[in-house]
């Protein structure tokens, strides 16, 4: 499940989703794009979706500008697998 939240542009994370217009499909969720890179350039926040070297979109924001993003919950920290006590087999 995702959560649609409003955050300052400086708080956006890679793998958040940003809305990019109506898209070519009538279903509105197809207009949400995954953020693949977050950079600060000249005091502005640059959010990149897609492949930087290929087809991509760029979004520029002031660092304190509020934007809506969809964010998946963080997966729980994985626990170390339980260790098995070494048992000697005696015959």
PDB file of N, CA and C in Angstrom:
ATOM      1  N   UNK A   1       0.847  -1.173   0.000  1.00  0.00           N
ATOM      2  CA  UNK A   1       0.000   0.000   0.000  1.00  0.00           C
ATOM      3  C   UNK A   1       0.890   1.233   0.000  1.00  0.00           C
ATOM      4  N   UNK A   2       0.481   2.232  -0.754  1.00  0.00           N
ATOM      5  CA  UNK A   2       1.244   3.471  -0.802  1.00  0.00           C
ATOM      6  C   UNK A   2       0.532   4.544  -0.002  1.00  0.00           C
ATOM      7  N   UNK A   3       1.266   5.575   0.323  1.00  0.00           N
ATOM      8  CA  UNK A   3       0.704   6.716   1.029  1.00  0.00           C
ATOM      9  C   UNK A   3       0.971   7.958   0.209  1.00  0.00           C
ATOM     10  N   UNK A   4      -0.071   8.724  -0.051  1.00  0.00           N
ATOM     11  CA  UNK A   4       0.105  10.011  -0.724  1.00  0.00           C
ATOM     12  C   UNK A   4       0.335  11.030   0.377  1.00  0.00           C
ATOM     13  N   UNK A   5       1.488  11.676   0.331  1.00  0.00           N
ATOM     14  CA  UNK A   5       1.863  12.631   1.364  1.00  0.00           C
ATOM     15  C   UNK A   5       2.336  13.922   0.717  1.00  0.00           C
ATOM     16  N   UNK A   6       2.319  14.986   1.483  1.00  0.00           N
ATOM     17  CA  UNK A   6       2.849  16.262   1.025  1.00  0.00           C
ATOM     18  C   UNK A   6       4.092  16.559   1.845  1.00  0.00           C
ATOM     19  N   UNK A   7       5.205  16.796   1.144  1.00  0.00           N
ATOM     20  CA  UNK A   7       6.488  17.051   1.796  1.00  0.00           C
ATOM     21  C   UNK A   7       7.181  18.217   1.103  1.00  0.00           C
ATOM     22  N   UNK A   8       8.175  18.772   1.788  1.00  0.00           N
ATOM     23  CA  UNK A   8       9.028  19.777   1.152  1.00  0.00           C
ATOM     24  C   UNK A   8       9.866  19.065   0.096  1.00  0.00           C
ATOM     25  N   UNK A   9      10.167  19.749  -0.978  1.00  0.00           N
ATOM     26  CA  UNK A   9      10.946  19.144  -2.058  1.00  0.00           C
ATOM     27  C   UNK A   9      12.270  18.587  -1.549  1.00  0.00           C
ATOM     28  N   UNK A  10      12.845  19.205  -0.537  1.00  0.00           N
ATOM     29  CA  UNK A  10      14.118  18.731   0.012  1.00  0.00           C
ATOM     30  C   UNK A  10      13.976  17.390   0.735  1.00  0.00           C
ATOM     31  N   UNK A  11      12.749  16.947   1.021  1.00  0.00           N
ATOM     32  CA  UNK A  11      12.514  15.690   1.725  1.00  0.00           C
ATOM     33  C   UNK A  11      12.117  14.543   0.799  1.00  0.00           C
ATOM     34  N   UNK A  12      12.049  14.807  -0.501  1.00  0.00           N
ATOM     35  CA  UNK A  12      11.687  13.769  -1.457  1.00  0.00           C
ATOM     36  C   UNK A  12      12.822  12.756  -1.538  1.00  0.00           C
ATOM     37  N   UNK A  13      12.471  11.478  -1.670  1.00  0.00           N
ATOM     38  CA  UNK A  13      13.456  10.398  -1.706  1.00  0.00           C
ATOM     39  C   UNK A  13      13.390   9.666  -3.040  1.00  0.00           C
ATOM     40  N   UNK A  14      14.496   9.017  -3.389  1.00  0.00           N
ATOM     41  CA  UNK A  14      14.502   8.118  -4.543  1.00  0.00           C
ATOM     42  C   UNK A  14      13.462   7.026  -4.269  1.00  0.00           C
ATOM     43  N   UNK A  15      12.744   6.640  -5.290  1.00  0.00           N
ATOM     44  CA  UNK A  15      11.648   5.654  -5.264  1.00  0.00           C
ATOM     45  C   UNK A  15      10.316   6.235  -4.832  1.00  0.00           C
ATOM     46  N   UNK A  16      10.252   7.522  -4.449  1.00  0.00           N
ATOM     47  CA  UNK A  16       8.961   8.173  -4.295  1.00  0.00           C
ATOM     48  C   UNK A  16       8.374   8.296  -5.703  1.00  0.00           C
ATOM     49  N   UNK A  17       7.083   8.582  -5.793  1.00  0.00           N
ATOM     50  CA  UNK A  17       6.423   8.758  -7.086  1.00  0.00           C
ATOM     51  C   UNK A  17       5.893  10.178  -7.157  1.00  0.00           C
ATOM     52  N   UNK A  18       6.077  10.806  -8.304  1.00  0.00           N
ATOM     53  CA  UNK A  18       5.605  12.171  -8.508  1.00  0.00           C
ATOM     54  C   UNK A  18       4.628  12.171  -9.678  1.00  0.00           C
ATOM     55  N   UNK A  19       3.602  13.012  -9.584  1.00  0.00           N
ATOM     56  CA  UNK A  19       2.577  13.075 -10.624  1.00  0.00           C
ATOM     57  C   UNK A  19       3.097  13.870 -11.809  1.00  0.00           C
ATOM     58  N   UNK A  20       2.920  13.325 -13.002  1.00  0.00           N
ATOM     59  CA  UNK A  20       3.422  13.973 -14.214  1.00  0.00           C
ATOM     60  C   UNK A  20       2.291  14.107 -15.229  1.00  0.00           C
ATOM     61  N   UNK A  21       1.302  14.914 -14.916  1.00  0.00           N
ATOM     62  CA  UNK A  21       0.233  15.186 -15.870  1.00  0.00           C
ATOM     63  C   UNK A  21      -0.731  14.033 -16.059  1.00  0.00           C
ATOM     64  N   UNK A  22      -1.516  14.109 -17.117  1.00  0.00           N
ATOM     65  CA  UNK A  22      -2.558  13.118 -17.348  1.00  0.00           C
ATOM     66  C   UNK A  22      -2.027  11.847 -17.983  1.00  0.00           C
ATOM     67  N   UNK A  23      -0.864  11.874 -18.585  1.00  0.00           N
ATOM     68  CA  UNK A  23      -0.318  10.680 -19.218  1.00  0.00           C
ATOM     69  C   UNK A  23      -1.114  10.305 -20.454  1.00  0.00           C
ATOM     70  N   UNK A  24      -0.683   9.267 -21.149  1.00  0.00           N
ATOM     71  CA  UNK A  24      -1.361   8.860 -22.380  1.00  0.00           C
ATOM     72  C   UNK A  24      -2.484   7.871 -22.098  1.00  0.00           C
ATOM     73  N   UNK A  25      -2.592   7.399 -20.870  1.00  0.00           N
ATOM     74  CA  UNK A  25      -3.616   6.440 -20.504  1.00  0.00           C
ATOM     75  C   UNK A  25      -4.677   7.150 -19.669  1.00  0.00           C
ATOM     76  N   UNK A  26      -5.919   6.737 -19.827  1.00  0.00           N
ATOM     77  CA  UNK A  26      -7.014   7.386 -19.086  1.00  0.00           C
ATOM     78  C   UNK A  26      -6.950   7.112 -17.597  1.00  0.00           C
ATOM     79  N   UNK A  27      -6.286   6.046 -17.181  1.00  0.00           N
ATOM     80  CA  UNK A  27      -6.215   5.707 -15.759  1.00  0.00           C
ATOM     81  C   UNK A  27      -5.206   6.626 -15.078  1.00  0.00           C
ATOM     82  N   UNK A  28      -5.606   7.407 -14.060  1.00  0.00           N
ATOM     83  CA  UNK A  28      -4.721   8.434 -13.494  1.00  0.00           C
ATOM     84  C   UNK A  28      -3.442   7.906 -12.854  1.00  0.00           C
ATOM     85  N   UNK A  29      -3.423   6.655 -12.399  1.00  0.00           N
ATOM     86  CA  UNK A  29      -2.207   6.180 -11.742  1.00  0.00           C
ATOM     87  C   UNK A  29      -1.051   6.014 -12.716  1.00  0.00           C
ATOM     88  N   UNK A  30      -1.322   5.963 -14.006  1.00  0.00           N
ATOM     89  CA  UNK A  30      -0.238   5.825 -14.975  1.00  0.00           C
ATOM     90  C   UNK A  30       0.540   7.128 -15.145  1.00  0.00           C
ATOM     91  N   UNK A  31       0.066   8.214 -14.560  1.00  0.00           N
ATOM     92  CA  UNK A  31       0.774   9.481 -14.660  1.00  0.00           C
ATOM     93  C   UNK A  31       1.756   9.680 -13.505  1.00  0.00           C
ATOM     94  N   UNK A  32       1.819   8.738 -12.569  1.00  0.00           N
ATOM     95  CA  UNK A  32       2.771   8.816 -11.471  1.00  0.00           C
ATOM     96  C   UNK A  32       4.070   8.167 -11.921  1.00  0.00           C
ATOM     97  N   UNK A  33       5.172   8.886 -11.789  1.00  0.00           N
ATOM     98  CA  UNK A  33       6.468   8.368 -12.215  1.00  0.00           C
ATOM     99  C   UNK A  33       7.389   8.199 -11.013  1.00  0.00           C
ATOM    100  N   UNK A  34       8.242   7.187 -11.074  1.00  0.00           N
ATOM    101  CA  UNK A  34       9.180   6.899  -9.991  1.00  0.00           C
ATOM    102  C   UNK A  34      10.385   7.824 -10.073  1.00  0.00           C
ATOM    103  N   UNK A  35      10.728   8.430  -8.954  1.00  0.00           N
ATOM    104  CA  UNK A  35      11.898   9.305  -8.895  1.00  0.00           C
ATOM    105  C   UNK A  35      13.143   8.425  -8.808  1.00  0.00           C
ATOM    106  N   UNK A  36      14.060   8.636  -9.740  1.00  0.00           N
ATOM    107  CA  UNK A  36      15.274   7.823  -9.792  1.00  0.00           C
ATOM    108  C   UNK A  36      16.503   8.578  -9.302  1.00  0.00           C
ATOM    109  N   UNK A  37      16.397   9.900  -9.186  1.00  0.00           N
ATOM    110  CA  UNK A  37      17.544  10.688  -8.715  1.00  0.00           C
ATOM    111  C   UNK A  37      17.050  11.991  -8.101  1.00  0.00           C
ATOM    112  N   UNK A  38      17.688  12.392  -7.014  1.00  0.00           N
ATOM    113  CA  UNK A  38      17.402  13.672  -6.359  1.00  0.00           C
ATOM    114  C   UNK A  38      18.728  14.412  -6.243  1.00  0.00           C
ATOM    115  N   UNK A  39      18.783  15.642  -6.784  1.00  0.00           N
ATOM    116  CA  UNK A  39      20.023  16.430  -6.734  1.00  0.00           C
ATOM    117  C   UNK A  39      19.703  17.862  -6.319  1.00  0.00           C
ATOM    118  N   UNK A  40      20.711  18.520  -5.766  1.00  0.00           N
ATOM    119  CA  UNK A  40      20.614  19.948  -5.472  1.00  0.00           C
ATOM    120  C   UNK A  40      21.509  20.661  -6.475  1.00  0.00           C
ATOM    121  N   UNK A  41      20.935  21.588  -7.227  1.00  0.00           N
ATOM    122  CA  UNK A  41      21.693  22.363  -8.207  1.00  0.00           C
ATOM    123  C   UNK A  41      21.304  23.830  -8.089  1.00  0.00           C
ATOM    124  N   UNK A  42      22.308  24.665  -7.849  1.00  0.00           N
ATOM    125  CA  UNK A  42      22.089  26.112  -7.735  1.00  0.00           C
ATOM    126  C   UNK A  42      21.004  26.448  -6.710  1.00  0.00           C
ATOM    127  N   UNK A  43      20.966  25.705  -5.617  1.00  0.00           N
ATOM    128  CA  UNK A  43      20.003  25.965  -4.557  1.00  0.00           C
ATOM    129  C   UNK A  43      18.614  25.414  -4.821  1.00  0.00           C
ATOM    130  N   UNK A  44      18.407  24.785  -5.963  1.00  0.00           N
ATOM    131  CA  UNK A  44      17.114  24.194  -6.296  1.00  0.00           C
ATOM    132  C   UNK A  44      17.202  22.676  -6.192  1.00  0.00           C
ATOM    133  N   UNK A  45      16.060  22.052  -5.988  1.00  0.00           N
ATOM    134  CA  UNK A  45      15.983  20.598  -5.933  1.00  0.00           C
ATOM    135  C   UNK A  45      15.586  20.105  -7.322  1.00  0.00           C
ATOM    136  N   UNK A  46      16.394  19.208  -7.874  1.00  0.00           N
ATOM    137  CA  UNK A  46      16.095  18.591  -9.164  1.00  0.00           C
ATOM    138  C   UNK A  46      15.676  17.153  -8.911  1.00  0.00           C
ATOM    139  N   UNK A  47      14.457  16.822  -9.334  1.00  0.00           N
ATOM    140  CA  UNK A  47      13.955  15.456  -9.240  1.00  0.00           C
ATOM    141  C   UNK A  47      13.928  14.884 -10.646  1.00  0.00           C
ATOM    142  N   UNK A  48      14.547  13.723 -10.823  1.00  0.00           N
ATOM    143  CA  UNK A  48      14.633  13.084 -12.133  1.00  0.00           C
ATOM    144  C   UNK A  48      13.849  11.785 -12.081  1.00  0.00           C
ATOM    145  N   UNK A  49      13.036  11.543 -13.109  1.00  0.00           N
ATOM    146  CA  UNK A  49      12.355  10.261 -13.261  1.00  0.00           C
ATOM    147  C   UNK A  49      12.880   9.611 -14.523  1.00  0.00           C
ATOM    148  N   UNK A  50      12.969   8.309 -14.524  1.00  0.00           N
ATOM    149  CA  UNK A  50      13.481   7.602 -15.691  1.00  0.00           C
ATOM    150  C   UNK A  50      14.996   7.537 -15.674  1.00  0.00           C
ATOM    151  N   UNK A  51      15.567   7.199 -16.805  1.00  0.00           N
ATOM    152  CA  UNK A  51      17.003   7.028 -16.961  1.00  0.00           C
ATOM    153  C   UNK A  51      17.645   8.351 -17.330  1.00  0.00           C
ATOM    154  N   UNK A  52      18.591   8.830 -16.540  1.00  0.00           N
ATOM    155  CA  UNK A  52      19.236  10.121 -16.792  1.00  0.00           C
ATOM    156  C   UNK A  52      19.872  10.155 -18.179  1.00  0.00           C
ATOM    157  N   UNK A  53      20.442   9.048 -18.630  1.00  0.00           N
ATOM    158  CA  UNK A  53      21.121   9.017 -19.926  1.00  0.00           C
ATOM    159  C   UNK A  53      20.162   8.714 -21.074  1.00  0.00           C
ATOM    160  N   UNK A  54      18.945   8.349 -20.759  1.00  0.00           N
ATOM    161  CA  UNK A  54      17.950   8.055 -21.789  1.00  0.00           C
ATOM    162  C   UNK A  54      16.758   8.978 -21.631  1.00  0.00           C
ATOM    163  N   UNK A  55      15.593   8.441 -21.936  1.00  0.00           N
ATOM    164  CA  UNK A  55      14.372   9.226 -21.817  1.00  0.00           C
ATOM    165  C   UNK A  55      14.046   9.435 -20.342  1.00  0.00           C
ATOM    166  N   UNK A  56      13.845  10.691 -19.950  1.00  0.00           N
ATOM    167  CA  UNK A  56      13.543  10.994 -18.564  1.00  0.00           C
ATOM    168  C   UNK A  56      12.798  12.319 -18.466  1.00  0.00           C
ATOM    169  N   UNK A  57      12.287  12.593 -17.275  1.00  0.00           N
ATOM    170  CA  UNK A  57      11.638  13.874 -16.987  1.00  0.00           C
ATOM    171  C   UNK A  57      12.383  14.529 -15.841  1.00  0.00           C
ATOM    172  N   UNK A  58      12.388  15.848 -15.830  1.00  0.00           N
ATOM    173  CA  UNK A  58      13.024  16.606 -14.755  1.00  0.00           C
ATOM    174  C   UNK A  58      12.004  17.546 -14.143  1.00  0.00           C
ATOM    175  N   UNK A  59      12.047  17.666 -12.823  1.00  0.00           N
ATOM    176  CA  UNK A  59      11.165  18.560 -12.087  1.00  0.00           C
ATOM    177  C   UNK A  59      12.037  19.421 -11.187  1.00  0.00           C
ATOM    178  N   UNK A  60      11.871  20.735 -11.259  1.00  0.00           N
ATOM    179  CA  UNK A  60      12.672  21.670 -10.471  1.00  0.00           C
ATOM    180  C   UNK A  60      11.789  22.316  -9.415  1.00  0.00           C
ATOM    181  N   UNK A  61      12.296  22.370  -8.170  1.00  0.00           N
ATOM    182  CA  UNK A  61      11.540  22.952  -7.064  1.00  0.00           C
ATOM    183  C   UNK A  61      12.459  23.763  -6.160  1.00  0.00           C
ATOM    184  N   UNK A  62      11.870  24.744  -5.475  1.00  0.00           N
ATOM    185  CA  UNK A  62      12.555  25.396  -4.361  1.00  0.00           C
ATOM    186  C   UNK A  62      12.639  24.357  -3.249  1.00  0.00           C
ATOM    187  N   UNK A  63      13.667  24.397  -2.411  1.00  0.00           N
ATOM    188  CA  UNK A  63      13.848  23.345  -1.403  1.00  0.00           C
ATOM    189  C   UNK A  63      12.693  23.256  -0.407  1.00  0.00           C
ATOM    190  N   UNK A  64      12.034  24.381  -0.099  1.00  0.00           N
ATOM    191  CA  UNK A  64      10.925  24.352   0.861  1.00  0.00           C
ATOM    192  C   UNK A  64       9.549  24.271   0.194  1.00  0.00           C
ATOM    193  N   UNK A  65       9.519  24.138  -1.120  1.00  0.00           N
ATOM    194  CA  UNK A  65       8.253  24.047  -1.849  1.00  0.00           C
ATOM    195  C   UNK A  65       7.557  22.729  -1.532  1.00  0.00           C
ATOM    196  N   UNK A  66       6.270  22.797  -1.229  1.00  0.00           N
ATOM    197  CA  UNK A  66       5.491  21.621  -0.856  1.00  0.00           C
ATOM    198  C   UNK A  66       4.987  20.910  -2.109  1.00  0.00           C
ATOM    199  N   UNK A  67       5.212  19.584  -2.173  1.00  0.00           N
ATOM    200  CA  UNK A  67       4.729  18.793  -3.297  1.00  0.00           C
ATOM    201  C   UNK A  67       4.136  17.489  -2.771  1.00  0.00           C
ATOM    202  N   UNK A  68       3.195  16.947  -3.533  1.00  0.00           N
ATOM    203  CA  UNK A  68       2.565  15.671  -3.168  1.00  0.00           C
ATOM    204  C   UNK A  68       3.340  14.550  -3.847  1.00  0.00           C
ATOM    205  N   UNK A  69       3.665  13.531  -3.071  1.00  0.00           N
ATOM    206  CA  UNK A  69       4.313  12.340  -3.608  1.00  0.00           C
ATOM    207  C   UNK A  69       3.604  11.114  -3.054  1.00  0.00           C
ATOM    208  N   UNK A  70       3.771  10.008  -3.740  1.00  0.00           N
ATOM    209  CA  UNK A  70       3.311   8.730  -3.199  1.00  0.00           C
ATOM    210  C   UNK A  70       4.559   7.995  -2.751  1.00  0.00           C
ATOM    211  N   UNK A  71       4.494   7.414  -1.567  1.00  0.00           N
ATOM    212  CA  UNK A  71       5.665   6.739  -0.985  1.00  0.00           C
ATOM    213  C   UNK A  71       5.233   5.384  -0.444  1.00  0.00           C
ATOM    214  N   UNK A  72       5.982   4.359  -0.823  1.00  0.00           N
ATOM    215  CA  UNK A  72       5.746   3.027  -0.261  1.00  0.00           C
ATOM    216  C   UNK A  72       6.315   2.999   1.150  1.00  0.00           C
ATOM    217  N   UNK A  73       5.677   2.277   2.061  1.00  0.00           N
ATOM    218  CA  UNK A  73       6.232   2.153   3.410  1.00  0.00           C
ATOM    219  C   UNK A  73       7.597   1.469   3.346  1.00  0.00           C
ATOM    220  N   UNK A  74       8.472   1.840   4.252  1.00  0.00           N
ATOM    221  CA  UNK A  74       9.795   1.224   4.327  1.00  0.00           C
ATOM    222  C   UNK A  74       9.632  -0.240   4.721  1.00  0.00           C
ATOM    223  N   UNK A  75      10.349  -1.147   4.049  1.00  0.00           N
ATOM    224  CA  UNK A  75      10.260  -2.550   4.468  1.00  0.00           C
ATOM    225  C   UNK A  75      10.901  -2.719   5.835  1.00  0.00           C
ATOM    226  N   UNK A  76      10.395  -3.647   6.627  1.00  0.00           N
ATOM    227  CA  UNK A  76      10.987  -3.845   7.958  1.00  0.00           C
ATOM    228  C   UNK A  76      12.436  -4.312   7.815  1.00  0.00           C
ATOM    229  N   UNK A  77      13.247  -3.906   8.763  1.00  0.00           N
ATOM    230  CA  UNK A  77      14.650  -4.302   8.739  1.00  0.00           C
ATOM    231  C   UNK A  77      14.714  -5.821   8.832  1.00  0.00           C
ATOM    232  N   UNK A  78      15.470  -6.399   7.934  1.00  0.00           N
ATOM    233  CA  UNK A  78      15.550  -7.858   7.955  1.00  0.00           C
ATOM    234  C   UNK A  78      16.409  -8.315   9.125  1.00  0.00           C
ATOM    235  N   UNK A  79      15.956  -9.363   9.731  1.00  0.00           N
ATOM    236  CA  UNK A  79      16.687  -9.898  10.874  1.00  0.00           C
ATOM    237  C   UNK A  79      17.705 -10.904  10.370  1.00  0.00           C
ATOM    238  N   UNK A  80      18.781 -11.046  11.097  1.00  0.00           N
ATOM    239  CA  UNK A  80      19.789 -12.034  10.730  1.00  0.00           C
ATOM    240  C   UNK A  80      19.178 -13.422  10.876  1.00  0.00           C
ATOM    241  N   UNK A  81      19.488 -14.321   9.947  1.00  0.00           N
ATOM    242  CA  UNK A  81      18.922 -15.663  10.070  1.00  0.00           C
ATOM    243  C   UNK A  81      19.414 -16.326  11.352  1.00  0.00           C
ATOM    244  N   UNK A  82      18.557 -17.107  11.967  1.00  0.00           N
ATOM    245  CA  UNK A  82      18.982 -17.755  13.220  1.00  0.00           C
ATOM    246  C   UNK A  82      20.152 -18.711  12.948  1.00  0.00           C
ATOM    247  N   UNK A  83      21.067 -18.734  13.878  1.00  0.00           N
ATOM    248  CA  UNK A  83      22.208 -19.640  13.727  1.00  0.00           C
ATOM    249  C   UNK A  83      21.882 -20.973  14.366  1.00  0.00           C
ATOM    250  N   UNK A  84      22.373 -21.993  13.745  1.00  0.00           N
ATOM    251  CA  UNK A  84      22.154 -23.335  14.295  1.00  0.00           C
ATOM    252  C   UNK A  84      23.377 -23.720  15.126  1.00  0.00           C
ATOM    253  N   UNK A  85      23.105 -24.293  16.262  1.00  0.00           N
ATOM    254  CA  UNK A  85      24.202 -24.778  17.112  1.00  0.00           C
ATOM    255  C   UNK A  85      24.851 -25.953  16.408  1.00  0.00           C
ATOM    256  N   UNK A  86      26.140 -25.965  16.420  1.00  0.00           N
ATOM    257  CA  UNK A  86      26.861 -27.075  15.772  1.00  0.00           C
ATOM    258  C   UNK A  86      26.744 -28.316  16.653  1.00  0.00           C
ATOM    259  N   UNK A  87      26.154 -29.330  16.089  1.00  0.00           N
ATOM    260  CA  UNK A  87      25.940 -30.568  16.821  1.00  0.00           C
ATOM    261  C   UNK A  87      26.804 -31.649  16.179  1.00  0.00           C
ATOM    262  N   UNK A  88      27.636 -32.302  16.984  1.00  0.00           N
ATOM    263  CA  UNK A  88      28.461 -33.387  16.465  1.00  0.00           C
ATOM    264  C   UNK A  88      27.652 -34.667  16.470  1.00  0.00           C
ATOM    265  N   UNK A  89      27.736 -35.380  15.389  1.00  0.00           N
ATOM    266  CA  UNK A  89      27.073 -36.675  15.309  1.00  0.00           C
ATOM    267  C   UNK A  89      28.078 -37.746  15.718  1.00  0.00           C
ATOM    268  N   UNK A  90      27.740 -38.485  16.721  1.00  0.00           N
ATOM    269  CA  UNK A  90      28.647 -39.547  17.168  1.00  0.00           C
ATOM    270  C   UNK A  90      28.042 -40.898  16.799  1.00  0.00           C
ATOM    271  N   UNK A  91      28.886 -41.762  16.327  1.00  0.00           N
ATOM    272  CA  UNK A  91      28.432 -43.092  15.938  1.00  0.00           C
ATOM    273  C   UNK A  91      29.078 -44.136  16.798  1.00  0.00           C
TER     274      UNK A  91
END
